[in-house]
Amino acid sequence: MIEADIKHPTDAGLAGHGVRALAREGRKLAKLVGEKRSRVRDRSRLMGRKLRGIARTIRRRSGEAKVEVLNLTRETGELLERSIKEARRLVDVATSKARGRGARAKLTAASKLQELADRCEKVARQIHQRVAKEKIGDRIVSLADPDARPIRKGKIGKPTEFGYVSQLAEVTEHTKPGARGLILPASHQIGNPSENTLLPGTVAELTRLGIKPREVAVDGGFQPTPTNQALARLGAKTVFIAGHQEPTSRRIKRRLARYRTGAEGRVSHLKRRYGLDRSRLKDHEGEQIWTGWASLAYNADTLSVRTR
């Protein structure tokens, strides 16, 4: 789990951010095309009153307060929808005026505002679904980082985190105590995919590098049948899945269990030392770049230690 560089999101907070961002980008585009009639009104003051009302109401912690908060949240969504409508109108006007000198700059600014309006529309739709008590499938948690998603991992301190899931695999010469190897390029996917969903990407990377491990140790999040099917092409002699599939030999079982537990410490080390706890780059592509550089830095340190 790699956290996105965002603060804890709320639907009303996202609506407030959307109203401010649409007004800001709308001013830039209107100035660029010389448009005075079509503009995106800045509703940040009115939105601020709604958000402060939610903050005051939520402190009461009563049934009536919950209903009032939902009503205020619905009103923030309505304000956002008005700004979206104005932004789309301005985009149409700007596109029609994008001719001759400076046309490329105008079209670029119009495209940027259009993309922002599309993201804000998802937020407005989420607010409608929340008020209607409908299930929200692909929830957006940040306008600046639209690929980040809520991830539930069952942690007591952080039941829900916001960011990305990546699958890391370390290749070592052996599985004895003190084993240290190299980190493979991570397998990624937007959302909260299962371990087995990401496993084919890891297997493909091993195949590309021509690596055929003799032993594989993974945690209990992997399901035995799809895991064995994915790893069959690698020809591994022993596949240890904590709590699900373990070798009959007690000595091998104990060694692989310790090796797998040590992998948790490796992930913690990558987060503390190499910045893998939080991606400072935006969107899914940025997270892949961030993870890749963290793995590269770790591998470089590992090679420097081994060659001394």
Protein backbone atom coordinates (compact mmCIF):
# COMPACT_ATOMS: atom_id res chain seq x y z
CA MET A 1 0.00 0.00 0.00
CA ILE A 2 1.50 3.34 -1.13
CA GLU A 3 -0.36 6.39 0.10
CA ALA A 4 -1.18 9.25 -2.25
CA ASP A 5 0.00 12.73 -1.28
CA ILE A 6 -3.47 13.98 -0.34
CA LYS A 7 -5.32 14.93 2.83
CA HIS A 8 -8.24 12.89 4.16
CA PRO A 9 -11.05 13.42 1.62
CA THR A 10 -14.73 14.20 2.12
CA ASP A 11 -17.35 14.63 -0.59
CA ALA A 12 -18.15 18.17 0.53
CA GLY A 13 -14.45 19.01 0.75
CA LEU A 14 -13.92 17.75 -2.80
CA ALA A 15 -16.86 19.87 -3.96
CA GLY A 16 -15.27 22.92 -2.33
CA HIS A 17 -11.95 22.18 -4.01
CA GLY A 18 -13.74 21.74 -7.33
CA VAL A 19 -15.54 25.09 -7.10
CA ARG A 20 -12.29 26.93 -6.36
CA ALA A 21 -10.34 25.11 -9.08
CA LEU A 22 -13.01 25.67 -11.74
CA ALA A 23 -13.19 29.39 -10.93
CA ARG A 24 -9.39 29.70 -11.05
CA GLU A 25 -8.95 27.87 -14.35
CA GLY A 26 -12.01 29.61 -15.76
CA ARG A 27 -10.49 33.04 -15.06
CA LYS A 28 -7.31 32.02 -16.85
CA LEU A 29 -9.19 30.77 -19.91
CA ALA A 30 -11.55 33.78 -20.05
CA LYS A 31 -8.59 36.17 -19.93
CA LEU A 32 -6.79 34.20 -22.64
CA VAL A 33 -9.70 34.33 -25.10
CA GLY A 34 -10.89 37.80 -24.08
CA GLU A 35 -14.31 36.53 -22.98
CA LYS A 36 -16.27 38.71 -20.52
CA ARG A 37 -19.83 37.40 -20.78
CA SER A 38 -19.23 33.66 -20.28
CA ARG A 39 -17.36 33.07 -17.05
CA VAL A 40 -17.16 30.66 -14.13
CA ARG A 41 -18.46 32.36 -11.03
CA ASP A 42 -16.31 32.03 -7.91
CA ARG A 43 -18.59 30.35 -5.34
CA SER A 44 -15.84 29.71 -2.79
CA ARG A 45 -17.35 32.05 -0.14
CA LEU A 46 -20.77 30.43 -0.36
CA MET A 47 -19.15 27.00 -0.41
CA GLY A 48 -17.10 27.95 2.66
CA ARG A 49 -20.30 28.74 4.59
CA LYS A 50 -21.69 25.33 3.68
CA LEU A 51 -18.50 23.56 4.79
CA ARG A 52 -18.42 25.46 8.09
CA GLY A 53 -22.06 24.55 8.60
CA ILE A 54 -21.18 20.87 8.13
CA ALA A 55 -18.32 21.18 10.64
CA ARG A 56 -20.62 22.78 13.25
CA THR A 57 -23.45 20.33 12.68
CA ILE A 58 -21.32 17.21 12.78
CA ARG A 59 -20.20 18.02 16.33
CA ARG A 60 -23.73 17.46 17.64
CA ARG A 61 -23.50 13.72 16.91
CA SER A 62 -27.26 13.13 16.74
CA GLY A 63 -29.66 11.62 14.23
CA GLU A 64 -30.97 15.04 13.22
CA ALA A 65 -27.40 16.24 12.69
CA LYS A 66 -26.74 13.41 10.23
CA VAL A 67 -29.76 14.40 8.15
CA GLU A 68 -28.68 18.05 8.22
CA VAL A 69 -25.14 17.13 7.15
CA LEU A 70 -26.53 15.16 4.20
CA ASN A 71 -28.66 18.15 3.18
CA LEU A 72 -25.66 20.49 3.37
CA THR A 73 -23.57 18.00 1.40
CA ARG A 74 -26.29 17.88 -1.27
CA GLU A 75 -26.19 21.69 -1.46
CA THR A 76 -22.41 21.63 -1.99
CA GLY A 77 -22.98 19.23 -4.88
CA GLU A 78 -25.54 21.61 -6.39
CA LEU A 79 -23.09 24.52 -6.18
CA LEU A 80 -20.46 22.38 -7.87
CA GLU A 81 -22.88 21.45 -10.66
CA ARG A 82 -23.55 25.12 -11.40
CA SER A 83 -19.82 25.77 -11.72
CA ILE A 84 -19.44 22.72 -13.98
CA LYS A 85 -22.19 23.98 -16.28
CA GLU A 86 -20.54 27.41 -16.54
CA ALA A 87 -17.13 25.83 -17.16
CA ARG A 88 -18.44 23.70 -20.03
CA ARG A 89 -20.12 26.75 -21.57
CA LEU A 90 -16.85 28.68 -21.36
CA VAL A 91 -14.97 25.78 -22.97
CA ASP A 92 -17.37 25.81 -25.92
CA VAL A 93 -16.93 29.57 -26.37
CA ALA A 94 -13.14 29.34 -26.08
CA THR A 95 -12.95 26.47 -28.58
CA SER A 96 -14.95 28.44 -31.13
CA LYS A 97 -12.63 31.45 -30.68
CA ALA A 98 -9.41 29.41 -30.90
CA ARG A 99 -8.26 30.56 -34.32
CA GLY A 100 -5.18 32.27 -35.64
CA ARG A 101 -2.44 33.48 -33.35
CA GLY A 102 -2.42 31.85 -29.91
CA ALA A 103 -4.92 29.16 -30.92
CA ARG A 104 -2.82 26.34 -29.46
CA ALA A 105 -2.57 28.01 -26.04
CA LYS A 106 -6.33 28.62 -25.99
CA LEU A 107 -7.11 25.02 -26.92
CA THR A 108 -4.69 23.73 -24.28
CA ALA A 109 -6.32 25.86 -21.57
CA ALA A 110 -9.79 24.81 -22.75
CA SER A 111 -8.77 21.14 -22.65
CA LYS A 112 -7.43 21.56 -19.12
CA LEU A 113 -10.69 23.15 -17.93
CA GLN A 114 -12.70 20.42 -19.69
CA GLU A 115 -10.70 17.69 -17.94
CA LEU A 116 -11.21 19.39 -14.57
CA ALA A 117 -14.95 19.69 -15.24
CA ASP A 118 -15.11 15.95 -16.00
CA ARG A 119 -13.44 15.13 -12.68
CA CYS A 120 -15.76 17.50 -10.82
CA GLU A 121 -18.75 15.82 -12.47
CA LYS A 122 -17.65 12.51 -10.93
CA VAL A 123 -17.57 14.21 -7.52
CA ALA A 124 -21.07 15.64 -8.06
CA ARG A 125 -22.30 12.18 -9.06
CA GLN A 126 -20.75 10.70 -5.91
CA ILE A 127 -22.60 13.25 -3.78
CA HIS A 128 -25.91 12.31 -5.43
CA GLN A 129 -25.21 8.63 -4.77
CA ARG A 130 -24.29 9.29 -1.16
CA VAL A 131 -27.43 11.34 -0.49
CA ALA A 132 -29.51 8.61 -2.15
CA LYS A 133 -27.64 5.99 -0.05
CA GLU A 134 -26.45 4.18 -3.16
CA LYS A 135 -23.23 2.20 -3.37
CA ILE A 136 -20.32 4.18 -4.85
CA GLY A 137 -18.15 1.93 -6.99
CA ASP A 138 -15.12 3.76 -8.35
CA ARG A 139 -14.83 6.59 -5.81
CA ILE A 140 -12.63 9.57 -6.62
CA VAL A 141 -10.80 10.92 -3.54
CA SER A 142 -8.76 13.76 -5.03
CA LEU A 143 -9.11 16.15 -7.96
CA ALA A 144 -5.34 16.61 -8.12
CA ASP A 145 -4.67 12.85 -8.00
CA PRO A 146 -7.68 11.27 -9.76
CA ASP A 147 -6.23 7.74 -9.86
CA ALA A 148 -5.91 7.42 -6.06
CA ARG A 149 -8.52 5.17 -4.46
CA PRO A 150 -9.69 4.26 -0.93
CA ILE A 151 -7.92 1.10 0.24
CA ARG A 152 -9.16 -0.92 3.21
CA LYS A 153 -6.49 -3.20 4.68
CA GLY A 154 -8.02 -3.87 8.12
CA LYS A 155 -5.47 -1.85 10.09
CA ILE A 156 -6.69 -0.68 13.50
CA GLY A 157 -4.92 2.69 13.36
CA LYS A 158 -5.78 3.34 9.69
CA PRO A 159 -8.83 1.31 8.64
CA THR A 160 -8.99 3.17 5.33
CA GLU A 161 -6.01 4.59 3.44
CA PHE A 162 -5.98 6.49 0.16
CA GLY A 163 -3.56 5.69 -2.62
CA TYR A 164 -2.35 2.71 -4.62
CA VAL A 165 -1.64 -0.99 -4.26
CA SER A 166 1.63 -2.34 -5.67
CA GLN A 167 3.01 -5.88 -5.52
CA LEU A 168 6.70 -6.07 -4.66
CA ALA A 169 8.82 -9.19 -5.10
CA GLU A 170 12.39 -9.73 -3.91
CA VAL A 171 14.69 -12.23 -5.62
CA THR A 172 17.40 -13.69 -3.36
CA GLU A 173 20.08 -16.36 -3.76
CA HIS A 174 18.68 -18.38 -0.86
CA THR A 175 15.96 -18.27 1.81
CA LYS A 176 18.21 -18.62 4.85
CA PRO A 177 18.41 -15.96 7.60
CA GLY A 178 20.08 -12.76 6.38
CA ALA A 179 19.02 -13.22 2.75
CA ARG A 180 19.02 -9.95 0.82
CA GLY A 181 18.42 -9.64 -2.90
CA LEU A 182 17.04 -7.32 -5.54
CA ILE A 183 13.53 -5.88 -5.85
CA LEU A 184 11.71 -6.58 -9.12
CA PRO A 185 9.79 -3.79 -10.90
CA ALA A 186 6.46 -3.65 -9.07
CA SER A 187 3.15 -4.86 -10.48
CA HIS A 188 0.50 -2.10 -10.40
CA GLN A 189 -3.20 -1.60 -10.97
CA ILE A 190 -5.59 1.25 -10.10
CA GLY A 191 -8.01 0.50 -7.27
CA ASN A 192 -7.73 -2.22 -4.64
CA PRO A 193 -6.81 -5.36 -6.62
CA SER A 194 -6.21 -8.69 -4.91
CA GLU A 195 -2.77 -10.26 -4.70
CA ASN A 196 -3.68 -12.82 -7.36
CA THR A 197 -4.82 -10.06 -9.73
CA LEU A 198 -1.34 -8.51 -9.58
CA LEU A 199 0.57 -11.82 -9.62
CA PRO A 200 0.58 -12.28 -13.44
CA GLY A 201 2.46 -8.98 -13.76
CA THR A 202 5.13 -10.21 -11.34
CA VAL A 203 5.38 -13.56 -13.16
CA ALA A 204 5.72 -11.75 -16.50
CA GLU A 205 8.61 -9.70 -15.10
CA LEU A 206 10.38 -12.85 -13.86
CA THR A 207 9.88 -14.46 -17.28
CA ARG A 208 11.21 -11.37 -19.05
CA LEU A 209 14.37 -11.47 -16.92
CA GLY A 210 14.77 -15.23 -17.38
CA ILE A 211 14.53 -15.92 -13.63
CA LYS A 212 13.13 -19.29 -12.52
CA PRO A 213 12.94 -19.41 -8.70
CA ARG A 214 13.30 -22.76 -6.94
CA GLU A 215 11.23 -21.65 -3.93
CA VAL A 216 8.45 -19.05 -3.66
CA ALA A 217 7.11 -17.69 -0.35
CA VAL A 218 4.03 -15.45 -0.30
CA ASP A 219 1.59 -14.25 2.37
CA GLY A 220 -1.89 -15.52 3.19
CA GLY A 221 -3.58 -13.04 0.85
CA PHE A 222 -2.80 -15.33 -2.10
CA GLN A 223 -5.29 -18.06 -3.02
CA PRO A 224 -3.66 -21.48 -3.65
CA THR A 225 -5.30 -22.47 -6.96
CA PRO A 226 -4.74 -19.26 -9.00
CA THR A 227 -1.31 -18.82 -7.40
CA ASN A 228 -0.15 -22.29 -8.42
CA GLN A 229 -1.55 -21.78 -11.92
CA ALA A 230 0.28 -18.47 -12.35
CA LEU A 231 3.57 -19.86 -11.00
CA ALA A 232 3.42 -23.13 -12.98
CA ARG A 233 5.27 -21.61 -15.96
CA LEU A 234 8.20 -20.71 -13.68
CA GLY A 235 8.72 -24.31 -12.56
CA ALA A 236 9.11 -23.55 -8.83
CA LYS A 237 9.67 -26.73 -6.77
CA THR A 238 8.20 -25.33 -3.54
CA VAL A 239 5.40 -22.76 -3.19
CA PHE A 240 4.76 -21.61 0.39
CA ILE A 241 1.47 -19.74 1.00
CA ALA A 242 1.20 -18.73 4.65
CA GLY A 243 -1.74 -20.48 6.30
CA HIS A 244 -2.93 -22.13 3.08
CA GLN A 245 -0.20 -24.20 1.45
CA GLU A 246 2.88 -25.35 3.35
CA PRO A 247 5.54 -28.02 2.68
CA THR A 248 5.40 -31.28 4.63
CA SER A 249 8.96 -30.87 5.92
CA ARG A 250 8.91 -28.94 9.22
CA ARG A 251 12.42 -27.62 8.61
CA ILE A 252 11.58 -26.19 5.16
CA LYS A 253 8.26 -24.85 6.44
CA ARG A 254 9.96 -23.02 9.31
CA ARG A 255 12.67 -21.59 7.02
CA LEU A 256 10.18 -20.30 4.42
CA ALA A 257 7.86 -18.92 7.11
CA ARG A 258 10.74 -16.91 8.56
CA TYR A 259 11.78 -15.77 5.11
CA ARG A 260 8.25 -14.58 4.33
CA THR A 261 8.01 -12.76 7.67
CA GLY A 262 11.29 -11.04 6.86
CA ALA A 263 9.72 -9.72 3.66
CA GLU A 264 7.35 -7.63 5.82
CA GLY A 265 10.39 -6.03 7.40
CA ARG A 266 11.79 -5.36 3.93
CA VAL A 267 8.62 -3.48 2.96
CA SER A 268 8.80 -1.47 6.19
CA HIS A 269 12.46 -0.66 5.43
CA LEU A 270 11.54 0.50 1.92
CA LYS A 271 8.87 2.79 3.37
CA ARG A 272 11.07 4.30 6.08
CA ARG A 273 14.35 4.59 4.20
CA TYR A 274 13.39 4.92 0.53
CA GLY A 275 10.15 6.93 0.65
CA LEU A 276 7.81 4.13 -0.39
CA ASP A 277 5.27 5.10 2.29
CA ARG A 278 3.87 7.98 0.22
CA SER A 279 4.12 8.84 -3.47
CA ARG A 280 4.90 12.52 -3.97
CA LEU A 281 4.07 12.27 -7.68
CA LYS A 282 0.49 12.51 -8.91
CA ASP A 283 -1.70 9.93 -10.69
CA HIS A 284 -0.99 6.29 -11.46
CA GLU A 285 1.92 6.99 -13.79
CA GLY A 286 3.56 9.18 -11.15
CA GLU A 287 3.16 6.45 -8.53
CA GLN A 288 4.82 3.93 -10.86
CA ILE A 289 7.76 6.31 -11.39
CA TRP A 290 8.05 6.90 -7.63
CA THR A 291 7.97 3.18 -6.85
CA GLY A 292 10.47 2.43 -9.60
CA TRP A 293 13.01 4.95 -8.29
CA ALA A 294 12.59 3.68 -4.72
CA SER A 295 13.25 0.10 -5.87
CA LEU A 296 16.23 1.24 -7.96
CA ALA A 297 17.75 3.09 -4.99
CA TYR A 298 17.34 0.01 -2.78
CA ASN A 299 18.88 -2.26 -5.43
CA ALA A 300 21.82 0.13 -5.87
CA ASP A 301 22.47 0.06 -2.11
CA THR A 302 22.23 -3.74 -2.10
CA LEU A 303 24.76 -4.06 -4.93
CA SER A 304 27.13 -1.62 -3.23
CA VAL A 305 27.08 -3.74 -0.06
CA ARG A 306 27.60 -7.01 -1.94
CA THR A 307 30.56 -5.72 -3.97
CA ARG A 308 32.59 -4.41 -1.02
